[in-house]
Amino acid sequence: MSRLSNNFQAMLFGLGAVLLWSTVATAFSLSLRHFSPTQLLLVANVVSLIFLIGLVIYKGEIKSLLQLARESWKSSLLFGAINPFLYYLILLQAYNTLPAQEAQAINYTWAIMLSFMAVPILKQRLKVADYIAAGACYFGVLYISTRGQIGSLEFSNISGVTFALISTIIWALYWLLNIKDKRPSLIGLTLNFTFALPIIILYAGLTGELTHWDQDGLWGAIYIGLFEMGLSFVLWNKAMKLTNNASQVANLIFLSPLLSIIWLSQFAGEPVLRSTLIGLACILIGLFVQNISKKTKHST
């Protein structure tokens, strides 16, 4: 009975995280109408860092944070430079140049990129299912990128698609490097955001984006920092700790892009493109194939 109770709680926490993630594309779209990608990243990073430090203090882990800050500053600087700095800077550029529904759909192919990058980095081997999944996902990317005009290969916005695909490479690299990270997850994430902050400020200063702020973008940036970069992490981490079936909770992530399209159409005024729906369906099929393959591998 206790186990059922824990699994039920895990599903609720996981669903909460997924619901928050599903609103992010809308928050990005609305905020980028007022802030540049760099300005949005700077405010969101500050808000998230305040939230994470508050959580560390609440859990009584501030001494561990300070100790690891001294002992692992090099790795914290490296991870912070990758995420949040580089990853979100590139991702927000994608959202700034593409319709949000297209950027978020393409970004979901990072799991496929992870499988392929794990070959040279972790010496893992690809299975037939990985190639099938990749074929489905990248066909979906091509369909979205050409707005369904695959035969002509006329891309709607090649630079935006490139930014979105590069963000999948950076995110996959971050998680592959994260496998060897021995820091506790909350403290590690807090240190990443701490060491990323001066990098973001320096970059914003060099690019002249510390001036000319539009206050209308502030609330969206605060929302992103608090919920996308902060609270969602806590909820997801709690779900994974409570459950005895991680794959069941992980499957909730498939709800996020579908809900995201609804929020975008209702709150950001983005008309839902038929090409996005078809392309997203291909991407989700690819991710489902990959997920089923992993389950089969672990059960044998």
Protein backbone atom coordinates (compact mmCIF):
# COMPACT_ATOMS: atom_id res chain seq x y z
CA MET A 1 0.00 0.00 0.00
CA SER A 2 2.87 2.31 0.83
CA ARG A 3 4.47 1.55 -2.52
CA LEU A 4 1.24 2.36 -4.37
CA SER A 5 1.00 5.59 -2.40
CA ASN A 6 4.57 6.55 -3.31
CA ASN A 7 4.00 5.77 -6.99
CA PHE A 8 0.81 7.83 -7.01
CA GLN A 9 2.66 10.75 -5.44
CA ALA A 10 5.47 10.32 -7.97
CA MET A 11 2.99 10.55 -10.84
CA LEU A 12 1.52 13.73 -9.35
CA PHE A 13 4.95 15.35 -8.93
CA GLY A 14 5.96 14.23 -12.44
CA LEU A 15 2.73 15.56 -13.90
CA GLY A 16 3.33 18.89 -12.14
CA ALA A 17 6.79 19.16 -13.70
CA VAL A 18 5.45 18.27 -17.16
CA LEU A 19 2.66 20.82 -16.88
CA LEU A 20 5.21 23.51 -16.03
CA TRP A 21 7.47 22.47 -18.91
CA SER A 22 4.50 22.59 -21.30
CA THR A 23 4.07 26.32 -20.58
CA VAL A 24 7.69 27.21 -21.28
CA ALA A 25 7.37 27.62 -25.07
CA THR A 26 4.54 30.09 -24.50
CA ALA A 27 6.56 31.97 -21.87
CA PHE A 28 9.55 32.08 -24.24
CA SER A 29 7.40 33.34 -27.10
CA LEU A 30 5.74 36.11 -25.07
CA SER A 31 8.93 37.20 -23.26
CA LEU A 32 11.04 37.39 -26.42
CA ARG A 33 8.66 40.03 -27.75
CA HIS A 34 10.16 42.37 -25.14
CA PHE A 35 13.58 40.94 -24.20
CA SER A 36 16.48 39.76 -26.31
CA PRO A 37 17.58 36.13 -25.74
CA THR A 38 20.54 37.37 -23.65
CA GLN A 39 18.40 39.65 -21.47
CA LEU A 40 15.86 36.87 -20.93
CA LEU A 41 18.59 34.42 -19.97
CA LEU A 42 20.16 36.89 -17.53
CA VAL A 43 16.95 37.61 -15.62
CA ALA A 44 15.83 33.98 -15.63
CA ASN A 45 19.24 32.84 -14.36
CA VAL A 46 19.17 35.33 -11.47
CA VAL A 47 15.64 34.29 -10.46
CA SER A 48 16.45 30.60 -10.69
CA LEU A 49 19.65 31.04 -8.70
CA ILE A 50 17.79 32.84 -5.90
CA PHE A 51 15.24 30.02 -5.82
CA LEU A 52 17.90 27.28 -5.79
CA ILE A 53 19.99 28.95 -3.07
CA GLY A 54 16.83 29.37 -0.99
CA LEU A 55 16.12 25.67 -1.43
CA VAL A 56 19.68 24.74 -0.44
CA ILE A 57 19.38 26.87 2.73
CA TYR A 58 15.97 25.33 3.50
CA LYS A 59 17.46 21.82 3.25
CA GLY A 60 20.40 22.81 5.48
CA GLU A 61 23.00 22.15 2.76
CA ILE A 62 24.62 25.58 2.55
CA LYS A 63 27.92 24.31 4.08
CA SER A 64 28.11 21.56 1.48
CA LEU A 65 27.42 24.14 -1.23
CA LEU A 66 30.24 26.41 -0.08
CA GLN A 67 32.63 23.49 0.32
CA LEU A 68 31.93 22.10 -3.14
CA ALA A 69 32.12 25.61 -4.60
CA ARG A 70 35.78 25.69 -3.53
CA GLU A 71 36.57 22.08 -4.38
CA SER A 72 34.82 21.81 -7.74
CA TRP A 73 34.92 25.33 -9.15
CA LYS A 74 36.50 24.18 -12.40
CA SER A 75 33.79 21.62 -13.15
CA SER A 76 31.11 24.05 -11.95
CA LEU A 77 32.44 26.67 -14.35
CA LEU A 78 32.47 24.16 -17.21
CA PHE A 79 28.95 22.89 -16.53
CA GLY A 80 27.65 26.43 -16.02
CA ALA A 81 29.16 27.55 -19.32
CA ILE A 82 27.34 24.70 -21.05
CA ASN A 83 24.07 24.93 -19.11
CA PRO A 84 22.51 27.39 -18.54
CA PHE A 85 24.71 29.81 -20.54
CA LEU A 86 25.35 28.23 -23.92
CA TYR A 87 22.35 25.92 -24.05
CA TYR A 88 19.71 28.51 -23.23
CA LEU A 89 21.39 31.22 -25.29
CA ILE A 90 21.23 29.01 -28.41
CA LEU A 91 17.76 27.67 -27.59
CA LEU A 92 16.36 31.17 -27.07
CA GLN A 93 17.88 32.23 -30.40
CA ALA A 94 15.90 29.39 -31.99
CA TYR A 95 12.70 30.56 -30.28
CA ASN A 96 13.49 34.13 -31.36
CA THR A 97 13.68 33.20 -35.06
CA LEU A 98 11.19 30.31 -35.38
CA PRO A 99 7.55 29.94 -34.35
CA ALA A 100 7.71 28.55 -30.81
CA GLN A 101 5.79 25.41 -31.81
CA GLU A 102 8.51 24.53 -34.34
CA ALA A 103 11.44 25.33 -32.03
CA GLN A 104 10.08 23.22 -29.16
CA ALA A 105 9.24 20.28 -31.45
CA ILE A 106 12.76 20.19 -32.92
CA ASN A 107 14.30 20.56 -29.46
CA TYR A 108 12.64 17.30 -28.40
CA THR A 109 15.01 15.36 -30.67
CA TRP A 110 17.82 15.84 -28.12
CA ALA A 111 17.25 12.29 -26.82
CA ILE A 112 18.08 10.90 -30.27
CA MET A 113 21.18 13.10 -30.45
CA LEU A 114 22.16 11.77 -27.01
CA SER A 115 22.13 8.18 -28.29
CA PHE A 116 24.42 8.98 -31.21
CA MET A 117 26.82 11.13 -29.19
CA ALA A 118 27.07 8.36 -26.57
CA VAL A 119 28.81 6.19 -29.19
CA PRO A 120 32.14 8.10 -29.26
CA ILE A 121 31.92 9.54 -25.72
CA LEU A 122 30.67 6.53 -23.71
CA LYS A 123 31.65 3.82 -26.22
CA GLN A 124 28.05 2.63 -26.43
CA ARG A 125 26.66 0.75 -29.40
CA LEU A 126 23.60 1.71 -31.42
CA LYS A 127 20.77 -0.75 -31.98
CA VAL A 128 18.45 -1.06 -34.97
CA ALA A 129 15.74 0.69 -32.94
CA ASP A 130 18.03 3.73 -32.53
CA TYR A 131 18.32 4.12 -36.30
CA ILE A 132 14.56 3.71 -36.76
CA ALA A 133 13.91 6.27 -34.03
CA ALA A 134 16.43 8.69 -35.55
CA GLY A 135 14.85 8.28 -39.00
CA ALA A 136 11.38 9.07 -37.65
CA CYS A 137 12.58 12.03 -35.57
CA TYR A 138 14.67 13.70 -38.23
CA PHE A 139 12.00 13.13 -40.88
CA GLY A 140 9.75 15.04 -38.48
CA VAL A 141 12.35 17.81 -38.21
CA LEU A 142 12.60 17.99 -42.01
CA TYR A 143 8.81 18.10 -42.33
CA ILE A 144 8.53 20.92 -39.79
CA SER A 145 11.48 22.84 -41.26
CA THR A 146 10.06 22.82 -44.79
CA ARG A 147 6.47 23.36 -43.61
CA GLY A 148 5.54 20.09 -45.31
CA GLN A 149 7.23 20.92 -48.63
CA ILE A 150 9.83 18.15 -48.39
CA GLY A 151 10.14 17.66 -52.16
CA SER A 152 11.25 21.25 -52.74
CA LEU A 153 13.60 21.31 -49.71
CA GLU A 154 12.73 24.97 -49.20
CA PHE A 155 13.36 25.65 -45.53
CA SER A 156 11.12 28.19 -43.84
CA ASN A 157 13.97 29.52 -41.68
CA ILE A 158 17.27 27.65 -41.96
CA SER A 159 19.03 29.73 -39.28
CA GLY A 160 16.31 29.08 -36.73
CA VAL A 161 16.32 25.35 -37.48
CA THR A 162 20.11 25.32 -37.15
CA PHE A 163 19.92 27.00 -33.73
CA ALA A 164 17.30 24.46 -32.59
CA LEU A 165 19.41 21.50 -33.75
CA ILE A 166 22.58 22.91 -32.17
CA SER A 167 20.69 23.24 -28.87
CA THR A 168 20.01 19.46 -28.98
CA ILE A 169 23.73 18.80 -29.38
CA ILE A 170 24.60 21.05 -26.42
CA TRP A 171 21.91 19.53 -24.20
CA ALA A 172 22.95 15.98 -25.08
CA LEU A 173 26.60 16.86 -24.38
CA TYR A 174 25.62 18.33 -21.02
CA TRP A 175 23.85 15.13 -19.95
CA LEU A 176 26.67 12.89 -21.17
CA LEU A 177 29.18 14.91 -19.14
CA ASN A 178 26.72 14.98 -16.25
CA ILE A 179 26.95 11.19 -15.95
CA LYS A 180 30.45 11.58 -14.52
CA ASP A 181 29.49 14.48 -12.25
CA LYS A 182 29.78 13.35 -8.61
CA ARG A 183 28.17 16.46 -7.09
CA PRO A 184 24.69 16.09 -5.49
CA SER A 185 22.09 17.11 -8.07
CA LEU A 186 20.65 20.16 -6.28
CA ILE A 187 24.04 21.52 -5.23
CA GLY A 188 25.50 20.83 -8.64
CA LEU A 189 22.69 22.68 -10.41
CA THR A 190 22.97 25.62 -7.99
CA LEU A 191 26.71 25.87 -8.61
CA ASN A 192 26.16 25.71 -12.37
CA PHE A 193 23.83 28.71 -12.22
CA THR A 194 26.17 30.52 -9.81
CA PHE A 195 29.22 30.21 -12.05
CA ALA A 196 27.19 30.91 -15.19
CA LEU A 197 25.96 34.27 -13.89
CA PRO A 198 29.23 36.25 -14.35
CA ILE A 199 29.64 34.68 -17.81
CA ILE A 200 26.15 35.82 -18.81
CA ILE A 201 26.72 39.33 -17.39
CA LEU A 202 30.05 39.61 -19.22
CA TYR A 203 28.49 38.44 -22.49
CA ALA A 204 25.56 40.84 -22.08
CA GLY A 205 27.98 43.71 -21.41
CA LEU A 206 30.13 42.88 -24.45
CA THR A 207 27.06 42.70 -26.71
CA GLY A 208 25.58 45.93 -25.32
CA GLU A 209 22.50 44.28 -23.82
CA LEU A 210 22.74 45.60 -20.28
CA THR A 211 20.82 48.69 -21.36
CA HIS A 212 17.45 49.37 -23.02
CA TRP A 213 15.32 47.01 -20.96
CA ASP A 214 11.61 46.64 -21.76
CA GLN A 215 9.88 46.14 -18.41
CA ASP A 216 7.00 44.29 -20.09
CA GLY A 217 9.27 41.27 -20.50
CA LEU A 218 10.19 41.08 -16.82
CA TRP A 219 7.34 38.92 -15.53
CA GLY A 220 7.80 36.34 -18.27
CA ALA A 221 11.52 36.09 -17.49
CA ILE A 222 10.75 35.68 -13.77
CA TYR A 223 8.25 32.94 -14.59
CA ILE A 224 10.83 31.09 -16.71
CA GLY A 225 13.52 31.36 -14.05
CA LEU A 226 11.22 30.24 -11.24
CA PHE A 227 9.27 27.47 -12.96
CA GLU A 228 11.24 26.21 -15.99
CA MET A 229 14.71 26.39 -14.44
CA GLY A 230 13.75 26.01 -10.78
CA LEU A 231 10.55 24.42 -9.47
CA SER A 232 10.18 21.92 -12.33
CA PHE A 233 13.58 20.47 -11.42
CA VAL A 234 12.47 19.98 -7.80
CA LEU A 235 9.20 18.32 -8.80
CA TRP A 236 10.83 16.00 -11.34
CA ASN A 237 13.61 15.05 -8.94
CA LYS A 238 11.02 14.29 -6.23
CA ALA A 239 9.02 12.13 -8.66
CA MET A 240 12.08 10.10 -9.62
CA LYS A 241 12.96 9.50 -5.96
CA LEU A 242 9.45 8.35 -5.00
CA THR A 243 8.71 6.01 -7.88
CA ASN A 244 9.76 2.39 -8.29
CA ASN A 245 9.00 2.62 -12.04
CA ALA A 246 11.05 5.47 -13.50
CA SER A 247 10.00 4.74 -17.09
CA GLN A 248 6.34 5.15 -16.16
CA VAL A 249 7.02 8.65 -14.83
CA ALA A 250 9.33 9.44 -17.77
CA ASN A 251 6.50 8.66 -20.21
CA LEU A 252 4.65 11.71 -18.87
CA ILE A 253 7.09 13.85 -20.86
CA PHE A 254 5.20 12.92 -24.04
CA LEU A 255 2.32 15.09 -22.81
CA SER A 256 4.43 18.24 -22.71
CA PRO A 257 4.74 19.11 -26.45
CA LEU A 258 1.06 18.36 -27.06
CA LEU A 259 -0.07 20.61 -24.21
CA SER A 260 2.48 23.21 -25.29
CA ILE A 261 0.84 23.59 -28.70
CA ILE A 262 -2.53 24.20 -27.00
CA TRP A 263 -1.07 26.90 -24.73
CA LEU A 264 0.72 28.55 -27.68
CA SER A 265 -2.47 28.77 -29.69
CA GLN A 266 -4.54 30.04 -26.74
CA PHE A 267 -2.13 32.47 -25.06
CA ALA A 268 0.58 33.39 -27.60
CA GLY A 269 -1.75 33.62 -30.60
CA GLU A 270 0.23 31.13 -32.70
CA PRO A 271 -1.92 29.35 -35.27
CA VAL A 272 -1.27 25.61 -35.08
CA LEU A 273 0.45 24.56 -38.32
CA ARG A 274 -0.50 21.25 -39.89
CA SER A 275 3.17 20.65 -40.68
CA THR A 276 4.04 21.02 -36.99
CA LEU A 277 1.44 18.45 -35.94
CA ILE A 278 2.62 15.90 -38.51
CA GLY A 279 6.30 16.55 -37.80
CA LEU A 280 5.75 16.40 -34.03
CA ALA A 281 3.87 13.10 -34.44
CA CYS A 282 6.91 11.65 -36.27
CA ILE A 283 9.25 12.90 -33.53
CA LEU A 284 7.08 11.43 -30.75
CA ILE A 285 6.86 8.11 -32.60
CA GLY A 286 10.67 8.08 -32.85
CA LEU A 287 11.04 8.83 -29.13
CA PHE A 288 8.48 6.15 -28.31
CA VAL A 289 10.40 3.57 -30.36
CA GLN A 290 13.60 4.52 -28.56
CA ASN A 291 11.88 4.34 -25.17
CA ILE A 292 10.41 0.89 -25.88
CA SER A 293 13.84 -0.32 -27.03
CA LYS A 294 15.41 0.80 -23.73
CA LYS A 295 12.71 -0.96 -21.71
CA THR A 296 13.27 -4.19 -23.67
CA LYS A 297 17.02 -3.94 -23.12
CA HIS A 298 16.67 -3.49 -19.35
CA SER A 299 14.17 -6.33 -19.00
CA THR A 300 16.40 -8.90 -20.75
